[in-house]
Amino acid sequence: MADEGKIQIEKFNGTDFVWWKMQMEALLGQKDLDMVLEDKPEKMDAAAESAWNSKDKKARGAITLALTRSVAFNIMHETTARRMMSALSNMYEKPCAANKVFLMRELFMTRMNEGSSVTVHINNLNSILCRLSSVGIKFDDETKVVLLLSSLPDSWSGTVTAVTSSVGTTDMTFEGIRDIVLGEDVRQKSTGAGSSSEMLHVGRGRGNNRNSGSRGRSPSKTRKNVKCWSCNEVGHVKSQCTGASFHAMDSGETMLNLKKGDFGKVRLANDELLEVTGMGDVDLHSSAGSLVKLKGITTNSNDP
């Protein structure tokens, strides 16, 4: 690490020249030395030329100290800071076929490992994309989104599916998907859960289906093992309970408006068939004192 006052620059070792160059230019600017990276004026008086040469010497020293030994030896014969930076750019930034092949290979091999930092992975991917841009290879937003999503590990397949099925890829920006992935990473760390597809309804929001928690399952399968708290019957919940498909009594003594006759038969739970011999109404008083009227009650008794 090259320590230049308040700025620390990692020594350039031949990789990620774009990032190193950005830092180096910032450092020279802070020290008021960046002017020597431009063409030297042809006409200068003695005082101005002396000041220029002094700044150029300081800039050359700062550049040299920010390079590893193997890289520094490549520019040891350059006599100005401008020529030093130009030589480094020709070696590591020049859009030659070798650089393009190397960077494209690095891009295609970039994949996040299970359990690795999402932030580090995205930063690394951004770095490669910036270096490719510097050698003339630029990707549109849709391609960068695909590159990011395809580089995530298998545990993120639910997230990837949710994103792509919600809005596809043409309507997504790299920054937007990056923020979603970072947000999902925070959610996973805070809950200790794996990748979730439910938090990602990009651009559409959560559906209005009240049974969204059982998405993909039919209603019959969902209720198959559900037991009602009210009647203890299987197949529905308390809010759906009607108590029974019809109401029956074994005696007509308490019934109002009783009508006798042949009203067919009813099959009980044990498959026994009983004749329905009467039908009427019943008034029930609840524990709270309210009156409930039940109409169309059946009975199999011939009692009055």
C-alpha atoms as a PDB file:
ATOM      1  CA  MET A   1       0.000   0.000   0.000  1.00  0.00           C
ATOM      2  CA  ALA A   2       1.541   3.321  -1.090  1.00  0.00           C
ATOM      3  CA  ASP A   3       0.820   5.923   1.602  1.00  0.00           C
ATOM      4  CA  GLU A   4       0.681   9.408   0.090  1.00  0.00           C
ATOM      5  CA  GLY A   5      -0.438  11.739   2.843  1.00  0.00           C
ATOM      6  CA  LYS A   6      -4.126  11.227   3.497  1.00  0.00           C
ATOM      7  CA  ILE A   7      -4.601   8.986   0.457  1.00  0.00           C
ATOM      8  CA  GLN A   8      -3.527   5.356   0.427  1.00  0.00           C
ATOM      9  CA  ILE A   9      -3.122   3.743  -2.969  1.00  0.00           C
ATOM     10  CA  GLU A  10      -2.667   0.027  -3.415  1.00  0.00           C
ATOM     11  CA  LYS A  11       0.439  -0.492  -5.512  1.00  0.00           C
ATOM     12  CA  PHE A  12      -0.375  -1.338  -9.097  1.00  0.00           C
ATOM     13  CA  ASN A  13       0.710  -4.882  -9.928  1.00  0.00           C
ATOM     14  CA  GLY A  14      -0.575  -5.137 -13.479  1.00  0.00           C
ATOM     15  CA  THR A  15      -4.274  -5.706 -12.818  1.00  0.00           C
ATOM     16  CA  ASP A  16      -7.201  -3.258 -12.689  1.00  0.00           C
ATOM     17  CA  PHE A  17      -5.314  -0.367 -14.246  1.00  0.00           C
ATOM     18  CA  VAL A  18      -8.477   1.732 -14.634  1.00  0.00           C
ATOM     19  CA  TRP A  19      -9.021   1.841 -10.870  1.00  0.00           C
ATOM     20  CA  TRP A  20      -5.350   2.543 -10.119  1.00  0.00           C
ATOM     21  CA  LYS A  21      -5.245   5.325 -12.734  1.00  0.00           C
ATOM     22  CA  MET A  22      -8.321   6.939 -11.221  1.00  0.00           C
ATOM     23  CA  GLN A  23      -6.695   6.937  -7.785  1.00  0.00           C
ATOM     24  CA  MET A  24      -3.372   8.173  -9.134  1.00  0.00           C
ATOM     25  CA  GLU A  25      -4.955  11.124 -10.907  1.00  0.00           C
ATOM     26  CA  ALA A  26      -6.875  11.986  -7.724  1.00  0.00           C
ATOM     27  CA  LEU A  27      -3.658  11.890  -5.706  1.00  0.00           C
ATOM     28  CA  LEU A  28      -1.750  14.119  -8.133  1.00  0.00           C
ATOM     29  CA  GLY A  29      -4.695  16.522  -8.175  1.00  0.00           C
ATOM     30  CA  GLN A  30      -4.709  16.756  -4.386  1.00  0.00           C
ATOM     31  CA  LYS A  31      -1.004  17.591  -4.460  1.00  0.00           C
ATOM     32  CA  ASP A  32      -1.521  20.138  -7.263  1.00  0.00           C
ATOM     33  CA  LEU A  33       0.673  18.050  -9.558  1.00  0.00           C
ATOM     34  CA  ASP A  34      -1.902  16.904 -12.124  1.00  0.00           C
ATOM     35  CA  MET A  35      -0.988  19.716 -14.530  1.00  0.00           C
ATOM     36  CA  VAL A  36       2.197  17.849 -15.542  1.00  0.00           C
ATOM     37  CA  LEU A  37       0.070  15.065 -17.053  1.00  0.00           C
ATOM     38  CA  GLU A  38      -0.849  17.557 -19.816  1.00  0.00           C
ATOM     39  CA  ASP A  39       1.377  18.744 -22.641  1.00  0.00           C
ATOM     40  CA  LYS A  40       4.130  21.046 -21.439  1.00  0.00           C
ATOM     41  CA  PRO A  41       3.706  24.576 -22.786  1.00  0.00           C
ATOM     42  CA  GLU A  42       6.226  25.422 -25.497  1.00  0.00           C
ATOM     43  CA  LYS A  43       6.939  28.938 -24.292  1.00  0.00           C
ATOM     44  CA  MET A  44       7.710  29.350 -20.610  1.00  0.00           C
ATOM     45  CA  ASP A  45       9.934  31.753 -18.761  1.00  0.00           C
ATOM     46  CA  ALA A  46      12.700  30.434 -16.544  1.00  0.00           C
ATOM     47  CA  ALA A  47      10.690  30.622 -13.325  1.00  0.00           C
ATOM     48  CA  ALA A  48       7.644  28.857 -14.801  1.00  0.00           C
ATOM     49  CA  GLU A  49       9.775  26.141 -16.361  1.00  0.00           C
ATOM     50  CA  SER A  50      11.585  25.576 -13.061  1.00  0.00           C
ATOM     51  CA  ALA A  51       8.266  25.237 -11.240  1.00  0.00           C
ATOM     52  CA  TRP A  52       6.989  22.838 -13.909  1.00  0.00           C
ATOM     53  CA  ASN A  53      10.095  20.663 -13.698  1.00  0.00           C
ATOM     54  CA  SER A  54       9.852  20.578  -9.895  1.00  0.00           C
ATOM     55  CA  LYS A  55       6.233  19.422 -10.023  1.00  0.00           C
ATOM     56  CA  ASP A  56       7.037  16.886 -12.713  1.00  0.00           C
ATOM     57  CA  LYS A  57       9.784  15.375 -10.541  1.00  0.00           C
ATOM     58  CA  LYS A  58       7.390  15.079  -7.573  1.00  0.00           C
ATOM     59  CA  ALA A  59       4.737  13.508  -9.795  1.00  0.00           C
ATOM     60  CA  ARG A  60       7.227  10.949 -11.163  1.00  0.00           C
ATOM     61  CA  GLY A  61       8.178  10.036  -7.594  1.00  0.00           C
ATOM     62  CA  ALA A  62       4.519   9.603  -6.567  1.00  0.00           C
ATOM     63  CA  ILE A  63       3.828   7.385  -9.590  1.00  0.00           C
ATOM     64  CA  THR A  64       6.921   5.236  -8.989  1.00  0.00           C
ATOM     65  CA  LEU A  65       6.059   4.699  -5.313  1.00  0.00           C
ATOM     66  CA  ALA A  66       2.568   3.560  -6.324  1.00  0.00           C
ATOM     67  CA  LEU A  67       3.905   0.729  -8.529  1.00  0.00           C
ATOM     68  CA  THR A  68       5.178  -2.736  -7.651  1.00  0.00           C
ATOM     69  CA  ARG A  69       8.783  -3.500  -8.583  1.00  0.00           C
ATOM     70  CA  SER A  70       7.923  -5.633 -11.615  1.00  0.00           C
ATOM     71  CA  VAL A  71       5.712  -2.904 -13.089  1.00  0.00           C
ATOM     72  CA  ALA A  72       8.017   0.004 -12.212  1.00  0.00           C
ATOM     73  CA  PHE A  73      10.948  -1.500 -14.139  1.00  0.00           C
ATOM     74  CA  ASN A  74       8.882  -1.249 -17.338  1.00  0.00           C
ATOM     75  CA  ILE A  75       8.875   2.559 -17.191  1.00  0.00           C
ATOM     76  CA  MET A  76      12.189   3.262 -15.508  1.00  0.00           C
ATOM     77  CA  HIS A  77      13.567   5.011 -18.613  1.00  0.00           C
ATOM     78  CA  GLU A  78      10.647   7.435 -19.013  1.00  0.00           C
ATOM     79  CA  THR A  79      11.710  10.984 -18.180  1.00  0.00           C
ATOM     80  CA  THR A  80       8.365  12.716 -17.474  1.00  0.00           C
ATOM     81  CA  ALA A  81       5.248  11.884 -15.478  1.00  0.00           C
ATOM     82  CA  ARG A  82       3.150  12.235 -18.629  1.00  0.00           C
ATOM     83  CA  ARG A  83       5.277   9.711 -20.503  1.00  0.00           C
ATOM     84  CA  MET A  84       5.187   7.337 -17.515  1.00  0.00           C
ATOM     85  CA  MET A  85       1.371   7.343 -17.425  1.00  0.00           C
ATOM     86  CA  SER A  86       1.191   7.049 -21.215  1.00  0.00           C
ATOM     87  CA  ALA A  87       3.502   4.014 -21.196  1.00  0.00           C
ATOM     88  CA  LEU A  88       1.470   2.336 -18.480  1.00  0.00           C
ATOM     89  CA  SER A  89      -1.728   3.056 -20.406  1.00  0.00           C
ATOM     90  CA  ASN A  90      -0.277   1.515 -23.570  1.00  0.00           C
ATOM     91  CA  MET A  91       0.700  -1.610 -21.658  1.00  0.00           C
ATOM     92  CA  TYR A  92      -2.387  -2.160 -19.528  1.00  0.00           C
ATOM     93  CA  GLU A  93      -5.191  -0.072 -21.019  1.00  0.00           C
ATOM     94  CA  LYS A  94      -4.524  -0.081 -24.742  1.00  0.00           C
ATOM     95  CA  PRO A  95      -7.391  -1.754 -26.643  1.00  0.00           C
ATOM     96  CA  CYS A  96      -5.335  -4.597 -28.033  1.00  0.00           C
ATOM     97  CA  ALA A  97      -6.630  -8.093 -28.769  1.00  0.00           C
ATOM     98  CA  ALA A  98      -4.663  -9.659 -25.915  1.00  0.00           C
ATOM     99  CA  ASN A  99      -6.205  -7.335 -23.321  1.00  0.00           C
ATOM    100  CA  LYS A 100      -9.702  -7.918 -24.666  1.00  0.00           C
ATOM    101  CA  VAL A 101      -9.329 -11.688 -24.592  1.00  0.00           C
ATOM    102  CA  PHE A 102      -7.914 -11.619 -21.055  1.00  0.00           C
ATOM    103  CA  LEU A 103     -10.680  -9.384 -19.719  1.00  0.00           C
ATOM    104  CA  MET A 104     -13.471 -11.299 -21.478  1.00  0.00           C
ATOM    105  CA  ARG A 105     -12.125 -14.543 -20.068  1.00  0.00           C
ATOM    106  CA  GLU A 106     -12.060 -12.988 -16.608  1.00  0.00           C
ATOM    107  CA  LEU A 107     -15.651 -11.799 -17.060  1.00  0.00           C
ATOM    108  CA  PHE A 108     -16.948 -15.205 -18.178  1.00  0.00           C
ATOM    109  CA  MET A 109     -15.211 -16.939 -15.277  1.00  0.00           C
ATOM    110  CA  THR A 110     -16.544 -14.522 -12.681  1.00  0.00           C
ATOM    111  CA  ARG A 111     -19.083 -16.284 -10.464  1.00  0.00           C
ATOM    112  CA  MET A 112     -20.038 -15.678  -6.871  1.00  0.00           C
ATOM    113  CA  ASN A 113     -19.272 -18.581  -4.535  1.00  0.00           C
ATOM    114  CA  GLU A 114     -21.859 -19.791  -2.029  1.00  0.00           C
ATOM    115  CA  GLY A 115     -21.605 -17.775   1.179  1.00  0.00           C
ATOM    116  CA  SER A 116     -19.371 -15.093  -0.350  1.00  0.00           C
ATOM    117  CA  SER A 117     -19.978 -11.376   0.005  1.00  0.00           C
ATOM    118  CA  VAL A 118     -22.484 -10.037  -2.504  1.00  0.00           C
ATOM    119  CA  THR A 119     -20.990  -6.553  -2.224  1.00  0.00           C
ATOM    120  CA  VAL A 120     -17.481  -7.784  -3.040  1.00  0.00           C
ATOM    121  CA  HIS A 121     -18.809  -9.807  -5.966  1.00  0.00           C
ATOM    122  CA  ILE A 122     -20.705  -6.863  -7.475  1.00  0.00           C
ATOM    123  CA  ASN A 123     -17.689  -4.577  -7.011  1.00  0.00           C
ATOM    124  CA  ASN A 124     -15.496  -7.128  -8.773  1.00  0.00           C
ATOM    125  CA  LEU A 125     -17.962  -7.446 -11.634  1.00  0.00           C
ATOM    126  CA  ASN A 126     -18.154  -3.656 -11.964  1.00  0.00           C
ATOM    127  CA  SER A 127     -14.371  -3.456 -12.067  1.00  0.00           C
ATOM    128  CA  ILE A 128     -14.192  -5.914 -14.967  1.00  0.00           C
ATOM    129  CA  LEU A 129     -16.945  -4.094 -16.856  1.00  0.00           C
ATOM    130  CA  CYS A 130     -15.107  -0.766 -16.422  1.00  0.00           C
ATOM    131  CA  ARG A 131     -11.842  -2.246 -17.677  1.00  0.00           C
ATOM    132  CA  LEU A 132     -13.613  -3.712 -20.671  1.00  0.00           C
ATOM    133  CA  SER A 133     -15.152  -0.320 -21.370  1.00  0.00           C
ATOM    134  CA  SER A 134     -11.666   1.225 -21.342  1.00  0.00           C
ATOM    135  CA  VAL A 135     -10.576  -1.117 -24.153  1.00  0.00           C
ATOM    136  CA  GLY A 136     -13.642  -0.434 -26.255  1.00  0.00           C
ATOM    137  CA  ILE A 137     -15.999  -3.228 -25.149  1.00  0.00           C
ATOM    138  CA  LYS A 138     -19.199  -1.821 -23.684  1.00  0.00           C
ATOM    139  CA  PHE A 139     -22.400  -3.617 -22.705  1.00  0.00           C
ATOM    140  CA  ASP A 140     -25.915  -2.248 -22.578  1.00  0.00           C
ATOM    141  CA  ASP A 141     -27.978  -2.387 -19.380  1.00  0.00           C
ATOM    142  CA  GLU A 142     -29.854  -5.538 -20.339  1.00  0.00           C
ATOM    143  CA  THR A 143     -26.626  -7.468 -20.947  1.00  0.00           C
ATOM    144  CA  LYS A 144     -25.096  -6.263 -17.692  1.00  0.00           C
ATOM    145  CA  VAL A 145     -28.238  -7.377 -15.816  1.00  0.00           C
ATOM    146  CA  VAL A 146     -27.992 -10.842 -17.390  1.00  0.00           C
ATOM    147  CA  LEU A 147     -24.291 -11.031 -16.502  1.00  0.00           C
ATOM    148  CA  LEU A 148     -25.018 -10.150 -12.874  1.00  0.00           C
ATOM    149  CA  LEU A 149     -27.934 -12.550 -12.426  1.00  0.00           C
ATOM    150  CA  SER A 150     -26.167 -15.418 -14.189  1.00  0.00           C
ATOM    151  CA  SER A 151     -23.099 -14.994 -11.965  1.00  0.00           C
ATOM    152  CA  LEU A 152     -25.059 -15.567  -8.731  1.00  0.00           C
ATOM    153  CA  PRO A 153     -24.802 -18.993  -7.026  1.00  0.00           C
ATOM    154  CA  ASP A 154     -27.472 -21.700  -7.188  1.00  0.00           C
ATOM    155  CA  SER A 155     -28.959 -20.673  -3.835  1.00  0.00           C
ATOM    156  CA  TRP A 156     -30.114 -17.448  -5.506  1.00  0.00           C
ATOM    157  CA  SER A 157     -32.131 -19.249  -8.199  1.00  0.00           C
ATOM    158  CA  GLY A 158     -35.423 -18.238  -6.544  1.00  0.00           C
ATOM    159  CA  THR A 159     -34.442 -14.577  -6.620  1.00  0.00           C
ATOM    160  CA  VAL A 160     -33.285 -14.783 -10.236  1.00  0.00           C
ATOM    161  CA  THR A 161     -36.529 -16.482 -11.283  1.00  0.00           C
ATOM    162  CA  ALA A 162     -38.652 -13.902  -9.461  1.00  0.00           C
ATOM    163  CA  VAL A 163     -36.811 -10.992 -11.071  1.00  0.00           C
ATOM    164  CA  THR A 164     -36.866 -12.319 -14.614  1.00  0.00           C
ATOM    165  CA  SER A 165     -40.470 -13.546 -14.467  1.00  0.00           C
ATOM    166  CA  SER A 166     -41.715 -10.247 -13.017  1.00  0.00           C
ATOM    167  CA  VAL A 167     -40.313  -7.832 -15.579  1.00  0.00           C
ATOM    168  CA  GLY A 168     -38.146  -9.872 -17.912  1.00  0.00           C
ATOM    169  CA  THR A 169     -34.773  -8.362 -18.696  1.00  0.00           C
ATOM    170  CA  THR A 170     -35.456  -5.555 -21.169  1.00  0.00           C
ATOM    171  CA  ASP A 171     -37.197  -3.356 -18.577  1.00  0.00           C
ATOM    172  CA  MET A 172     -34.472  -3.658 -15.939  1.00  0.00           C
ATOM    173  CA  THR A 173     -31.573  -1.327 -15.234  1.00  0.00           C
ATOM    174  CA  PHE A 174     -28.308  -2.637 -13.877  1.00  0.00           C
ATOM    175  CA  GLU A 175     -28.447  -0.215 -10.952  1.00  0.00           C
ATOM    176  CA  GLY A 176     -32.012  -1.260 -10.111  1.00  0.00           C
ATOM    177  CA  ILE A 177     -31.254  -4.989 -10.115  1.00  0.00           C
ATOM    178  CA  ARG A 178     -28.017  -4.394  -8.245  1.00  0.00           C
ATOM    179  CA  ASP A 179     -29.952  -2.643  -5.479  1.00  0.00           C
ATOM    180  CA  ILE A 180     -32.499  -5.480  -5.358  1.00  0.00           C
ATOM    181  CA  VAL A 181     -29.738  -8.085  -5.028  1.00  0.00           C
ATOM    182  CA  LEU A 182     -28.014  -6.079  -2.293  1.00  0.00           C
ATOM    183  CA  GLY A 183     -31.343  -5.658  -0.480  1.00  0.00           C
ATOM    184  CA  GLU A 184     -32.041  -9.393  -0.688  1.00  0.00           C
ATOM    185  CA  ASP A 185     -28.571 -10.068   0.709  1.00  0.00           C
ATOM    186  CA  VAL A 186     -29.345  -7.843   3.711  1.00  0.00           C
ATOM    187  CA  ARG A 187     -32.684  -9.645   4.215  1.00  0.00           C
ATOM    188  CA  GLN A 188     -31.017 -13.056   4.157  1.00  0.00           C
ATOM    189  CA  LYS A 189     -28.402 -11.995   6.688  1.00  0.00           C
ATOM    190  CA  SER A 190     -30.974 -10.451   9.023  1.00  0.00           C
ATOM    191  CA  THR A 191     -33.357 -13.421   8.934  1.00  0.00           C
ATOM    192  CA  GLY A 192     -30.882 -16.228   8.418  1.00  0.00           C
ATOM    193  CA  ALA A 193     -33.026 -17.441   5.528  1.00  0.00           C
ATOM    194  CA  GLY A 194     -32.073 -18.514   2.044  1.00  0.00           C
ATOM    195  CA  SER A 195     -32.912 -16.763  -1.169  1.00  0.00           C
ATOM    196  CA  SER A 196     -36.566 -15.798  -1.354  1.00  0.00           C
ATOM    197  CA  SER A 197     -38.663 -15.192  -4.415  1.00  0.00           C
ATOM    198  CA  GLU A 198     -41.598 -13.717  -2.471  1.00  0.00           C
ATOM    199  CA  MET A 199     -39.838 -10.424  -1.691  1.00  0.00           C
ATOM    200  CA  LEU A 200     -39.144  -9.767  -5.355  1.00  0.00           C
ATOM    201  CA  HIS A 201     -42.237  -8.706  -7.302  1.00  0.00           C
ATOM    202  CA  VAL A 202     -40.375  -6.128  -9.353  1.00  0.00           C
ATOM    203  CA  GLY A 203     -42.616  -3.387 -10.678  1.00  0.00           C
ATOM    204  CA  ARG A 204     -45.817  -5.285  -9.908  1.00  0.00           C
ATOM    205  CA  GLY A 205     -46.077  -5.390  -6.150  1.00  0.00           C
ATOM    206  CA  ARG A 206     -47.684  -8.108  -4.059  1.00  0.00           C
ATOM    207  CA  GLY A 207     -50.740  -9.722  -5.549  1.00  0.00           C
ATOM    208  CA  ASN A 208     -54.214  -9.403  -4.135  1.00  0.00           C
ATOM    209  CA  ASN A 209     -54.723 -13.151  -3.893  1.00  0.00           C
ATOM    210  CA  ARG A 210     -55.336 -14.007  -0.260  1.00  0.00           C
ATOM    211  CA  ASN A 211     -54.054 -17.496  -0.891  1.00  0.00           C
ATOM    212  CA  SER A 212     -50.689 -16.237  -2.212  1.00  0.00           C
ATOM    213  CA  GLY A 213     -48.932 -18.003   0.629  1.00  0.00           C
ATOM    214  CA  SER A 214     -49.921 -21.321  -0.925  1.00  0.00           C
ATOM    215  CA  ARG A 215     -49.020 -20.357  -4.484  1.00  0.00           C
ATOM    216  CA  GLY A 216     -48.754 -23.286  -6.844  1.00  0.00           C
ATOM    217  CA  ARG A 217     -51.033 -25.551  -4.821  1.00  0.00           C
ATOM    218  CA  SER A 218     -54.661 -26.283  -5.635  1.00  0.00           C
ATOM    219  CA  PRO A 219     -57.358 -25.337  -3.060  1.00  0.00           C
ATOM    220  CA  SER A 220     -58.229 -28.997  -2.506  1.00  0.00           C
ATOM    221  CA  LYS A 221     -54.660 -29.865  -1.621  1.00  0.00           C
ATOM    222  CA  THR A 222     -54.319 -26.768   0.517  1.00  0.00           C
ATOM    223  CA  ARG A 223     -57.374 -27.614   2.657  1.00  0.00           C
ATOM    224  CA  LYS A 224     -56.919 -31.374   2.634  1.00  0.00           C
ATOM    225  CA  ASN A 225     -55.482 -31.597   6.124  1.00  0.00           C
ATOM    226  CA  VAL A 226     -57.003 -28.437   7.622  1.00  0.00           C
ATOM    227  CA  LYS A 227     -59.250 -28.976  10.661  1.00  0.00           C
ATOM    228  CA  CYS A 228     -62.003 -26.551  11.665  1.00  0.00           C
ATOM    229  CA  TRP A 229     -61.691 -25.201  15.221  1.00  0.00           C
ATOM    230  CA  SER A 230     -65.475 -24.804  15.411  1.00  0.00           C
ATOM    231  CA  CYS A 231     -66.889 -28.161  14.335  1.00  0.00           C
ATOM    232  CA  ASN A 232     -63.654 -30.225  14.312  1.00  0.00           C
ATOM    233  CA  GLU A 233     -64.376 -31.329  10.755  1.00  0.00           C
ATOM    234  CA  VAL A 234     -61.530 -31.662   8.239  1.00  0.00           C
ATOM    235  CA  GLY A 235     -61.572 -29.697   4.991  1.00  0.00           C
ATOM    236  CA  HIS A 236     -62.351 -26.104   6.011  1.00  0.00           C
ATOM    237  CA  VAL A 237     -61.412 -23.425   8.543  1.00  0.00           C
ATOM    238  CA  LYS A 238     -63.554 -21.725  11.179  1.00  0.00           C
ATOM    239  CA  SER A 239     -64.328 -18.688   9.025  1.00  0.00           C
ATOM    240  CA  GLN A 240     -65.766 -21.026   6.370  1.00  0.00           C
ATOM    241  CA  CYS A 241     -67.708 -23.178   8.836  1.00  0.00           C
ATOM    242  CA  THR A 242     -71.480 -23.390   8.404  1.00  0.00           C
ATOM    243  CA  GLY A 243     -71.816 -25.991  11.085  1.00  0.00           C
ATOM    244  CA  ALA A 244     -73.500 -28.431   8.688  1.00  0.00           C
ATOM    245  CA  SER A 245     -74.888 -28.693   5.176  1.00  0.00           C
ATOM    246  CA  PHE A 246     -78.320 -28.991   6.819  1.00  0.00           C
ATOM    247  CA  HIS A 247     -79.658 -29.183  10.389  1.00  0.00           C
ATOM    248  CA  ALA A 248     -81.534 -32.190  11.828  1.00  0.00           C
ATOM    249  CA  MET A 249     -83.182 -33.164  15.105  1.00  0.00           C
ATOM    250  CA  ASP A 250     -84.285 -36.568  16.380  1.00  0.00           C
ATOM    251  CA  SER A 251     -87.510 -35.115  17.767  1.00  0.00           C
ATOM    252  CA  GLY A 252     -90.045 -32.546  16.638  1.00  0.00           C
ATOM    253  CA  GLU A 253     -91.161 -31.503  20.127  1.00  0.00           C
ATOM    254  CA  THR A 254     -89.402 -28.130  20.177  1.00  0.00           C
ATOM    255  CA  MET A 255     -89.895 -27.319  16.520  1.00  0.00           C
ATOM    256  CA  LEU A 256     -92.181 -24.517  15.295  1.00  0.00           C
ATOM    257  CA  ASN A 257     -94.319 -24.681  12.164  1.00  0.00           C
ATOM    258  CA  LEU A 258     -93.706 -28.412  11.972  1.00  0.00           C
ATOM    259  CA  LYS A 259     -94.877 -30.054   8.763  1.00  0.00           C
ATOM    260  CA  LYS A 260     -95.080 -33.819   8.573  1.00  0.00           C
ATOM    261  CA  GLY A 261     -94.623 -35.783   5.418  1.00  0.00           C
ATOM    262  CA  ASP A 262     -92.174 -37.684   3.276  1.00  0.00           C
ATOM    263  CA  PHE A 263     -89.148 -35.466   2.726  1.00  0.00           C
ATOM    264  CA  GLY A 264     -86.827 -38.166   1.412  1.00  0.00           C
ATOM    265  CA  LYS A 265     -83.882 -39.756   3.143  1.00  0.00           C
ATOM    266  CA  VAL A 266     -80.572 -38.622   4.608  1.00  0.00           C
ATOM    267  CA  ARG A 267     -77.288 -40.576   4.742  1.00  0.00           C
ATOM    268  CA  LEU A 268     -75.398 -40.355   8.041  1.00  0.00           C
ATOM    269  CA  ALA A 269     -71.640 -40.457   8.511  1.00  0.00           C
ATOM    270  CA  ASN A 270     -71.812 -44.225   9.144  1.00  0.00           C
ATOM    271  CA  ASP A 271     -73.673 -44.698   5.817  1.00  0.00           C
ATOM    272  CA  GLU A 272     -76.970 -45.410   7.637  1.00  0.00           C
ATOM    273  CA  LEU A 273     -80.049 -44.115   5.788  1.00  0.00           C
ATOM    274  CA  LEU A 274     -82.821 -42.396   7.772  1.00  0.00           C
ATOM    275  CA  GLU A 275     -86.188 -41.191   6.531  1.00  0.00           C
ATOM    276  CA  VAL A 276     -86.957 -37.483   6.886  1.00  0.00           C
ATOM    277  CA  THR A 277     -90.519 -37.355   8.283  1.00  0.00           C
ATOM    278  CA  GLY A 278     -90.851 -33.720   9.226  1.00  0.00           C
ATOM    279  CA  MET A 279     -89.540 -30.189   8.662  1.00  0.00           C
ATOM    280  CA  GLY A 280     -89.909 -27.020  10.729  1.00  0.00           C
ATOM    281  CA  ASP A 281     -88.220 -24.102  12.498  1.00  0.00           C
ATOM    282  CA  VAL A 282     -86.313 -23.798  15.778  1.00  0.00           C
ATOM    283  CA  ASP A 283     -85.542 -20.775  17.965  1.00  0.00           C
ATOM    284  CA  LEU A 284     -82.158 -20.956  19.735  1.00  0.00           C
ATOM    285  CA  HIS A 285     -80.986 -18.652  22.503  1.00  0.00           C
ATOM    286  CA  SER A 286     -77.219 -18.106  22.644  1.00  0.00           C
ATOM    287  CA  SER A 287     -75.204 -17.730  25.834  1.00  0.00           C
ATOM    288  CA  ALA A 288     -75.017 -14.011  25.145  1.00  0.00           C
ATOM    289  CA  GLY A 289     -78.814 -13.791  25.183  1.00  0.00           C
ATOM    290  CA  SER A 290     -79.349 -13.299  21.451  1.00  0.00           C
ATOM    291  CA  LEU A 291     -81.968 -15.211  19.501  1.00  0.00           C
ATOM    292  CA  VAL A 292     -81.002 -17.321  16.505  1.00  0.00           C
ATOM    293  CA  LYS A 293     -83.747 -18.630  14.208  1.00  0.00           C
ATOM    294  CA  LEU A 294     -83.013 -21.826  12.273  1.00  0.00           C
ATOM    295  CA  LYS A 295     -85.423 -22.644   9.470  1.00  0.00           C
ATOM    296  CA  GLY A 296     -85.925 -25.832   7.516  1.00  0.00           C
ATOM    297  CA  ILE A 297     -84.834 -28.168  10.308  1.00  0.00           C
ATOM    298  CA  THR A 298     -85.507 -31.822   9.521  1.00  0.00           C
ATOM    299  CA  THR A 299     -86.524 -34.654  11.837  1.00  0.00           C
ATOM    300  CA  ASN A 300     -86.945 -38.400  11.502  1.00  0.00           C
ATOM    301  CA  SER A 301     -89.382 -38.679  14.392  1.00  0.00           C
ATOM    302  CA  ASN A 302     -93.113 -39.093  14.105  1.00  0.00           C
ATOM    303  CA  ASP A 303     -93.604 -37.497  17.487  1.00  0.00           C
ATOM    304  CA  PRO A 304     -95.786 -34.359  17.529  1.00  0.00           C
END
